[in-house]
């Protein structure tokens, strides 16, 4: 079962930011794909299982950014 969730990430300003967020989120168990829209800050995460919101938030924070509440 594939699921897709979307979060908004604050603070991304360049392609390096996008790659950092993609890299950290790719390490979250179950994540199959990460699509980042730099202009809007929206990050679509496709996974093969339901995602742990805390794991997503921690991965974004590890990249140096914040998930908008």
N, C-alpha and C. Protein backbone atom coordinates (compact mmCIF):
# COMPACT_ATOMS: atom_id res chain seq x y z
N UNK A 1 0.84 -1.19 0.00
CA UNK A 1 0.00 0.00 0.00
C UNK A 1 0.88 1.24 0.00
N UNK A 2 0.72 2.06 -0.99
CA UNK A 2 1.51 3.29 -1.10
C UNK A 2 0.70 4.45 -0.54
N UNK A 3 1.36 5.28 0.25
CA UNK A 3 0.72 6.47 0.80
C UNK A 3 1.52 7.69 0.38
N UNK A 4 0.84 8.81 0.26
CA UNK A 4 1.51 10.07 -0.02
C UNK A 4 1.05 11.08 1.01
N UNK A 5 2.01 11.75 1.62
CA UNK A 5 1.67 12.82 2.55
C UNK A 5 2.45 14.07 2.14
N UNK A 6 1.90 15.21 2.51
CA UNK A 6 2.53 16.48 2.16
C UNK A 6 2.75 17.30 3.42
N UNK A 7 3.94 17.86 3.52
CA UNK A 7 4.26 18.79 4.61
C UNK A 7 4.81 20.07 3.99
N UNK A 8 4.74 21.14 4.74
CA UNK A 8 5.35 22.40 4.31
C UNK A 8 6.58 22.64 5.17
N UNK A 9 7.69 22.88 4.49
CA UNK A 9 8.97 23.08 5.17
C UNK A 9 9.36 24.55 5.04
N UNK A 10 9.70 25.14 6.16
CA UNK A 10 10.10 26.55 6.19
C UNK A 10 11.61 26.69 6.15
N UNK A 11 12.07 27.71 5.41
CA UNK A 11 13.48 28.06 5.44
C UNK A 11 14.30 27.63 4.24
N UNK A 12 13.72 26.86 3.33
CA UNK A 12 14.48 26.43 2.15
C UNK A 12 14.58 27.59 1.16
N UNK A 13 15.81 27.82 0.66
CA UNK A 13 16.01 28.95 -0.25
C UNK A 13 16.73 28.59 -1.54
N UNK A 14 17.27 27.36 -1.64
CA UNK A 14 18.07 27.03 -2.81
C UNK A 14 18.05 25.52 -3.08
N UNK A 15 18.70 25.11 -4.15
CA UNK A 15 18.75 23.70 -4.50
C UNK A 15 19.48 22.87 -3.45
N UNK A 16 20.47 23.45 -2.80
CA UNK A 16 21.16 22.74 -1.72
C UNK A 16 20.17 22.38 -0.60
N UNK A 17 19.30 23.33 -0.28
CA UNK A 17 18.27 23.09 0.74
C UNK A 17 17.39 21.92 0.34
N UNK A 18 16.97 21.92 -0.92
CA UNK A 18 16.11 20.85 -1.44
C UNK A 18 16.82 19.50 -1.30
N UNK A 19 18.07 19.43 -1.71
CA UNK A 19 18.81 18.16 -1.64
C UNK A 19 18.99 17.70 -0.20
N UNK A 20 19.22 18.64 0.72
CA UNK A 20 19.39 18.27 2.13
C UNK A 20 18.11 17.66 2.69
N UNK A 21 16.97 18.27 2.39
CA UNK A 21 15.69 17.76 2.87
C UNK A 21 15.39 16.40 2.22
N UNK A 22 15.62 16.30 0.91
CA UNK A 22 15.38 15.02 0.23
C UNK A 22 16.24 13.91 0.82
N UNK A 23 17.50 14.21 1.07
CA UNK A 23 18.42 13.21 1.59
C UNK A 23 18.00 12.71 2.97
N UNK A 24 17.66 13.62 3.85
CA UNK A 24 17.26 13.23 5.21
C UNK A 24 15.95 12.44 5.19
N UNK A 25 14.99 12.90 4.39
CA UNK A 25 13.70 12.20 4.35
C UNK A 25 13.83 10.82 3.69
N UNK A 26 14.75 10.68 2.75
CA UNK A 26 14.94 9.38 2.09
C UNK A 26 15.39 8.32 3.08
N UNK A 27 15.99 8.74 4.20
CA UNK A 27 16.45 7.79 5.21
C UNK A 27 15.36 7.35 6.18
N UNK A 28 14.18 7.97 6.11
CA UNK A 28 13.08 7.58 6.99
C UNK A 28 12.55 6.23 6.50
N UNK A 29 12.41 5.25 7.39
CA UNK A 29 11.92 3.93 6.97
C UNK A 29 10.59 4.01 6.22
N UNK A 30 10.55 3.36 5.06
CA UNK A 30 9.34 3.30 4.27
C UNK A 30 9.26 4.34 3.16
N UNK A 31 10.08 5.38 3.22
CA UNK A 31 10.00 6.44 2.21
C UNK A 31 10.54 5.93 0.88
N UNK A 32 9.73 6.08 -0.16
CA UNK A 32 10.10 5.63 -1.50
C UNK A 32 10.51 6.79 -2.40
N UNK A 33 9.90 7.96 -2.19
CA UNK A 33 10.20 9.12 -3.04
C UNK A 33 9.89 10.41 -2.28
N UNK A 34 10.66 11.45 -2.61
CA UNK A 34 10.47 12.77 -2.00
C UNK A 34 10.48 13.79 -3.12
N UNK A 35 9.41 14.59 -3.21
CA UNK A 35 9.31 15.62 -4.24
C UNK A 35 9.18 16.97 -3.55
N UNK A 36 10.17 17.84 -3.74
CA UNK A 36 10.20 19.14 -3.06
C UNK A 36 9.89 20.25 -4.06
N UNK A 37 8.94 21.11 -3.71
CA UNK A 37 8.65 22.32 -4.50
C UNK A 37 9.26 23.48 -3.74
N UNK A 38 10.42 23.95 -4.21
CA UNK A 38 11.15 25.00 -3.51
C UNK A 38 10.34 26.28 -3.39
N UNK A 39 9.59 26.63 -4.43
CA UNK A 39 8.84 27.89 -4.44
C UNK A 39 7.79 27.95 -3.34
N UNK A 40 7.13 26.82 -3.08
CA UNK A 40 6.06 26.81 -2.08
C UNK A 40 6.48 26.21 -0.75
N UNK A 41 7.60 25.47 -0.75
CA UNK A 41 8.03 24.79 0.45
C UNK A 41 7.30 23.48 0.69
N UNK A 42 6.45 23.10 -0.25
CA UNK A 42 5.68 21.86 -0.08
C UNK A 42 6.54 20.65 -0.45
N UNK A 43 6.47 19.64 0.41
CA UNK A 43 7.24 18.43 0.22
C UNK A 43 6.26 17.25 0.20
N UNK A 44 6.19 16.57 -0.93
CA UNK A 44 5.34 15.39 -1.06
C UNK A 44 6.20 14.16 -0.81
N UNK A 45 5.76 13.33 0.12
CA UNK A 45 6.52 12.14 0.52
C UNK A 45 5.70 10.91 0.18
N UNK A 46 6.24 10.06 -0.67
CA UNK A 46 5.58 8.81 -1.03
C UNK A 46 6.25 7.69 -0.25
N UNK A 47 5.43 6.86 0.39
CA UNK A 47 5.97 5.80 1.22
C UNK A 47 5.20 4.50 1.00
N UNK A 48 5.86 3.39 1.36
CA UNK A 48 5.21 2.10 1.19
C UNK A 48 4.51 1.64 2.47
N UNK A 49 4.40 2.56 3.44
CA UNK A 49 3.68 2.30 4.69
C UNK A 49 3.30 3.64 5.30
N UNK A 50 2.40 3.66 6.25
CA UNK A 50 2.07 4.94 6.90
C UNK A 50 3.32 5.53 7.55
N UNK A 51 3.48 6.84 7.41
CA UNK A 51 4.67 7.52 7.94
C UNK A 51 4.45 7.98 9.37
N UNK A 52 5.51 7.93 10.13
CA UNK A 52 5.53 8.45 11.49
C UNK A 52 5.79 9.95 11.40
N UNK A 53 4.82 10.75 11.81
CA UNK A 53 4.96 12.21 11.72
C UNK A 53 6.19 12.72 12.46
N UNK A 54 6.49 12.11 13.60
CA UNK A 54 7.66 12.53 14.36
C UNK A 54 8.95 12.25 13.60
N UNK A 55 9.01 11.11 12.91
CA UNK A 55 10.20 10.77 12.12
C UNK A 55 10.39 11.76 10.98
N UNK A 56 9.29 12.16 10.35
CA UNK A 56 9.36 13.15 9.26
C UNK A 56 9.87 14.47 9.81
N UNK A 57 9.30 14.92 10.91
CA UNK A 57 9.71 16.19 11.52
C UNK A 57 11.19 16.15 11.92
N UNK A 58 11.62 15.04 12.52
CA UNK A 58 13.02 14.91 12.93
C UNK A 58 13.96 14.93 11.73
N UNK A 59 13.56 14.30 10.62
CA UNK A 59 14.40 14.30 9.43
C UNK A 59 14.55 15.71 8.85
N UNK A 60 13.44 16.44 8.82
CA UNK A 60 13.48 17.82 8.31
C UNK A 60 14.37 18.68 9.22
N UNK A 61 14.23 18.50 10.52
CA UNK A 61 15.04 19.26 11.47
C UNK A 61 16.52 18.88 11.34
N UNK A 62 16.81 17.61 11.07
CA UNK A 62 18.20 17.17 10.89
C UNK A 62 18.83 17.85 9.67
N UNK A 63 17.99 18.17 8.68
CA UNK A 63 18.48 18.88 7.50
C UNK A 63 18.66 20.38 7.77
N UNK A 64 18.15 20.84 8.91
CA UNK A 64 18.33 22.24 9.29
C UNK A 64 17.12 23.12 9.05
N UNK A 65 15.94 22.51 8.90
CA UNK A 65 14.72 23.27 8.56
C UNK A 65 13.61 22.90 9.52
N UNK A 66 12.48 23.55 9.38
CA UNK A 66 11.34 23.32 10.26
C UNK A 66 10.10 22.96 9.45
N UNK A 67 9.31 22.03 9.98
CA UNK A 67 8.01 21.74 9.39
C UNK A 67 7.05 22.79 9.90
N UNK A 68 6.32 23.44 8.99
CA UNK A 68 5.35 24.44 9.39
C UNK A 68 4.20 23.76 10.12
N UNK A 69 3.69 24.40 11.17
CA UNK A 69 2.59 23.79 11.92
C UNK A 69 1.24 24.21 11.38
